[in-house]
Amino acid sequence: MRWAVAAVVLIPALVAAPWAWTRLTTASSISEAGTAAEHADAALVLGARVYEDGEPSRFLRERVEVGVALYLDGTVDELIMSGDGDDSSGYGEPTVMRALAEALGVPADAIVEDPLGLDTYSSCQRAAEVYGASSVIVATQEFHEPRAVWLCEQAGLEAQGRYPAIRLTKSTVLGNIREVPAIAKAMLDQARGREVSAEG
């Protein structure tokens, strides 16, 4: 019985520890969009769902809007649109992200598409290794920011995070829940030095 009680207490604590650690260590670098940020080479805009008709999901649109604002106010020099270039929609996340950013006033030559940013770990590694950034401001939802900023820091980037206004929706709640195992996996990827594609 004692072992069972210990397992019930310790296992959730061990699973949650990476989540707590990343939130604690990155908190000073993460703020809501509109908060002043230090200049960075690029806004690293992370991909999210694109619908079958080519329309970006709300999460994706919000991320792009955060990145665009950072570019237009001169905080970053370019946008790295990092996502799945062969996603289920058939349009490709970075392509949809580029089109939206251009429609919002960003010149085409200030946008870089990374179609092999298949997950957050890949996006951060490739921003440094493939696209030559030394500093980034990650544009994603608040619940995703600690993992993203931590992974970018581990990739050798000076990283900050800016997120859109928080909305209490089912997707936001699920996103927060999913971050607990996602951060544990990210730490395992980092510990084993998982390799990512070096293609440009």
Protein backbone atom coordinates (compact mmCIF):
# COMPACT_ATOMS: atom_id res chain seq x y z
CA MET A 1 0.00 0.00 0.00
CA ARG A 2 2.81 2.42 0.85
CA TRP A 3 4.42 1.83 -2.54
CA ALA A 4 1.10 2.43 -4.26
CA VAL A 5 0.56 5.69 -2.38
CA ALA A 6 4.13 6.79 -3.14
CA ALA A 7 3.62 6.04 -6.84
CA VAL A 8 0.37 8.00 -6.93
CA VAL A 9 2.17 11.01 -5.44
CA LEU A 10 5.59 10.79 -7.07
CA ILE A 11 4.75 9.87 -10.66
CA PRO A 12 2.57 12.95 -11.35
CA ALA A 13 5.17 15.12 -9.58
CA LEU A 14 7.98 13.77 -11.77
CA VAL A 15 5.93 14.27 -14.93
CA ALA A 16 5.02 17.83 -13.93
CA ALA A 17 8.54 18.83 -12.85
CA PRO A 18 9.82 19.67 -16.37
CA TRP A 19 6.70 21.80 -16.98
CA ALA A 20 7.27 23.71 -13.76
CA TRP A 21 10.99 24.13 -14.44
CA THR A 22 10.55 25.59 -17.94
CA ARG A 23 7.87 28.01 -16.78
CA LEU A 24 10.04 29.16 -13.89
CA THR A 25 13.26 29.61 -15.87
CA THR A 26 11.71 31.37 -18.88
CA ALA A 27 9.14 33.56 -17.10
CA SER A 28 11.22 36.76 -17.28
CA SER A 29 11.59 36.44 -21.07
CA ILE A 30 7.91 35.95 -21.89
CA SER A 31 5.21 38.63 -22.06
CA GLU A 32 1.98 39.42 -23.84
CA ALA A 33 2.23 40.95 -27.30
CA GLY A 34 2.62 44.71 -27.15
CA THR A 35 5.08 44.55 -24.28
CA ALA A 36 8.44 46.07 -25.23
CA ALA A 37 11.06 43.53 -26.28
CA GLU A 38 14.76 43.71 -27.01
CA HIS A 39 15.68 43.78 -30.69
CA ALA A 40 16.17 40.33 -32.22
CA ASP A 41 17.25 38.94 -35.57
CA ALA A 42 13.87 37.35 -36.25
CA ALA A 43 10.44 36.56 -34.99
CA LEU A 44 10.15 32.78 -34.99
CA VAL A 45 6.49 32.22 -35.82
CA LEU A 46 5.49 28.65 -35.04
CA GLY A 47 3.07 26.75 -37.23
CA ALA A 48 -0.41 25.56 -36.30
CA ARG A 49 -3.42 24.12 -38.03
CA VAL A 50 -4.50 25.17 -41.51
CA TYR A 51 -8.04 24.21 -42.53
CA GLU A 52 -8.84 22.25 -45.69
CA ASP A 53 -9.88 25.44 -47.50
CA GLY A 54 -6.48 27.02 -46.83
CA GLU A 55 -7.67 29.30 -44.04
CA PRO A 56 -5.42 29.58 -40.98
CA SER A 57 -6.80 28.50 -37.63
CA ARG A 58 -7.26 31.14 -34.96
CA PHE A 59 -4.09 30.03 -33.20
CA LEU A 60 -2.09 30.34 -36.41
CA ARG A 61 -3.55 33.70 -37.35
CA GLU A 62 -2.80 35.08 -33.89
CA ARG A 63 0.80 33.88 -34.06
CA VAL A 64 1.35 35.51 -37.42
CA GLU A 65 -0.23 38.75 -36.19
CA VAL A 66 2.19 38.83 -33.24
CA GLY A 67 5.15 38.30 -35.56
CA VAL A 68 3.96 40.93 -38.01
CA ALA A 69 3.58 43.51 -35.24
CA LEU A 70 7.16 42.82 -34.11
CA TYR A 71 8.43 43.35 -37.64
CA LEU A 72 6.39 46.48 -38.34
CA ASP A 73 7.57 48.20 -35.15
CA GLY A 74 11.21 47.39 -35.95
CA THR A 75 11.78 44.93 -33.11
CA VAL A 76 12.83 42.14 -35.52
CA ASP A 77 14.49 42.20 -38.94
CA GLU A 78 12.62 39.27 -40.46
CA LEU A 79 10.01 36.60 -39.88
CA ILE A 80 10.83 32.89 -39.89
CA MET A 81 7.60 31.05 -40.67
CA SER A 82 8.31 27.59 -39.30
CA GLY A 83 5.86 24.75 -39.73
CA ASP A 84 4.88 21.69 -41.72
CA GLY A 85 5.21 22.39 -45.43
CA ASP A 86 3.37 19.18 -46.26
CA ASP A 87 0.52 19.38 -43.79
CA SER A 88 -2.84 17.67 -44.14
CA SER A 89 -4.48 20.78 -45.64
CA GLY A 90 -2.29 20.51 -48.73
CA TYR A 91 -1.44 24.22 -48.58
CA GLY A 92 1.57 24.06 -46.24
CA GLU A 93 1.64 26.00 -42.99
CA PRO A 94 4.58 28.32 -43.89
CA THR A 95 3.01 29.23 -47.23
CA VAL A 96 -0.25 30.20 -45.58
CA MET A 97 1.66 32.11 -42.90
CA ARG A 98 3.63 34.03 -45.55
CA ALA A 99 0.47 34.99 -47.44
CA LEU A 100 -1.15 36.32 -44.28
CA ALA A 101 1.96 38.27 -43.25
CA GLU A 102 2.26 39.85 -46.69
CA ALA A 103 -1.43 40.80 -46.59
CA LEU A 104 -0.72 42.51 -43.27
CA GLY A 105 2.08 44.61 -44.74
CA VAL A 106 5.31 42.64 -44.44
CA PRO A 107 7.46 42.71 -47.61
CA ALA A 108 8.12 39.33 -49.22
CA ASP A 109 11.89 39.60 -48.82
CA ALA A 110 11.54 39.90 -45.03
CA ILE A 111 9.88 36.49 -44.76
CA VAL A 112 11.68 33.15 -44.59
CA GLU A 113 9.72 29.92 -44.95
CA ASP A 114 10.88 26.88 -42.99
CA PRO A 115 8.80 23.93 -44.26
CA LEU A 116 10.68 21.44 -42.09
CA GLY A 117 9.79 22.99 -38.74
CA LEU A 118 7.75 19.90 -37.97
CA ASP A 119 7.77 20.47 -34.22
CA THR A 120 9.00 23.07 -31.78
CA TYR A 121 12.36 21.35 -31.28
CA SER A 122 12.99 21.33 -35.04
CA SER A 123 11.90 24.94 -35.45
CA CYS A 124 14.34 26.18 -32.81
CA GLN A 125 17.26 24.08 -33.99
CA ARG A 126 16.75 25.05 -37.62
CA ALA A 127 16.36 28.76 -36.83
CA ALA A 128 19.91 28.63 -35.46
CA GLU A 129 21.59 26.01 -37.62
CA VAL A 130 19.92 26.49 -41.01
CA TYR A 131 18.76 30.11 -41.03
CA GLY A 132 21.61 31.59 -39.02
CA ALA A 133 19.64 33.47 -36.38
CA SER A 134 21.39 34.29 -33.13
CA SER A 135 18.36 35.81 -31.41
CA VAL A 136 14.62 35.29 -31.82
CA ILE A 137 11.30 36.33 -30.39
CA VAL A 138 9.00 33.33 -30.44
CA ALA A 139 5.41 34.04 -31.50
CA THR A 140 2.97 31.47 -30.17
CA GLN A 141 0.24 31.03 -27.54
CA GLU A 142 1.10 31.62 -23.88
CA PHE A 143 0.83 27.97 -22.84
CA HIS A 144 3.36 27.03 -25.55
CA GLU A 145 5.87 29.81 -24.86
CA PRO A 146 7.88 28.27 -21.97
CA ARG A 147 8.69 25.13 -23.96
CA ALA A 148 9.44 27.08 -27.13
CA VAL A 149 11.67 29.66 -25.46
CA TRP A 150 13.49 26.97 -23.46
CA LEU A 151 14.15 24.90 -26.58
CA CYS A 152 15.42 27.95 -28.46
CA GLU A 153 17.76 28.75 -25.59
CA GLN A 154 19.05 25.18 -25.68
CA ALA A 155 19.67 25.62 -29.40
CA GLY A 156 22.01 28.52 -28.57
CA LEU A 157 19.60 31.33 -29.36
CA GLU A 158 18.92 34.40 -27.28
CA ALA A 159 15.19 33.90 -26.94
CA GLN A 160 12.20 35.93 -25.87
CA GLY A 161 8.51 35.12 -26.22
CA ARG A 162 5.49 37.20 -27.08
CA TYR A 163 1.97 35.78 -27.10
CA PRO A 164 -1.49 37.00 -28.16
CA ALA A 165 -4.19 37.81 -25.63
CA ILE A 166 -5.20 34.71 -23.67
CA ARG A 167 -8.69 33.40 -24.36
CA LEU A 168 -10.32 30.79 -22.15
CA THR A 169 -11.48 28.29 -24.75
CA LYS A 170 -11.51 24.50 -25.00
CA SER A 171 -8.45 24.64 -27.27
CA THR A 172 -6.56 26.74 -24.75
CA VAL A 173 -7.39 24.38 -21.89
CA LEU A 174 -6.34 21.35 -23.94
CA GLY A 175 -3.17 23.16 -24.99
CA ASN A 176 -2.19 23.72 -21.37
CA ILE A 177 -2.83 20.06 -20.54
CA ARG A 178 -0.82 18.80 -23.51
CA GLU A 179 2.16 20.92 -22.55
CA VAL A 180 2.93 18.73 -19.54
CA PRO A 181 3.93 15.63 -21.56
CA ALA A 182 5.17 17.76 -24.46
CA ILE A 183 7.77 19.48 -22.26
CA ALA A 184 8.91 16.14 -20.85
CA LYS A 185 9.41 14.87 -24.42
CA ALA A 186 11.24 18.07 -25.40
CA MET A 187 13.69 17.57 -22.56
CA LEU A 188 14.30 14.00 -23.67
CA ASP A 189 14.91 15.17 -27.25
CA GLN A 190 17.36 17.75 -25.99
CA ALA A 191 19.14 15.30 -23.70
CA ARG A 192 19.72 12.78 -26.48
CA GLY A 193 20.70 15.46 -29.00
CA ARG A 194 18.02 14.58 -31.54
CA GLU A 195 19.17 15.58 -35.02
CA VAL A 196 17.03 17.62 -37.39
CA SER A 197 17.19 18.10 -41.13
CA ALA A 198 19.90 20.48 -42.35
CA GLU A 199 18.05 21.26 -45.59
CA GLY A 200 17.35 24.92 -46.29
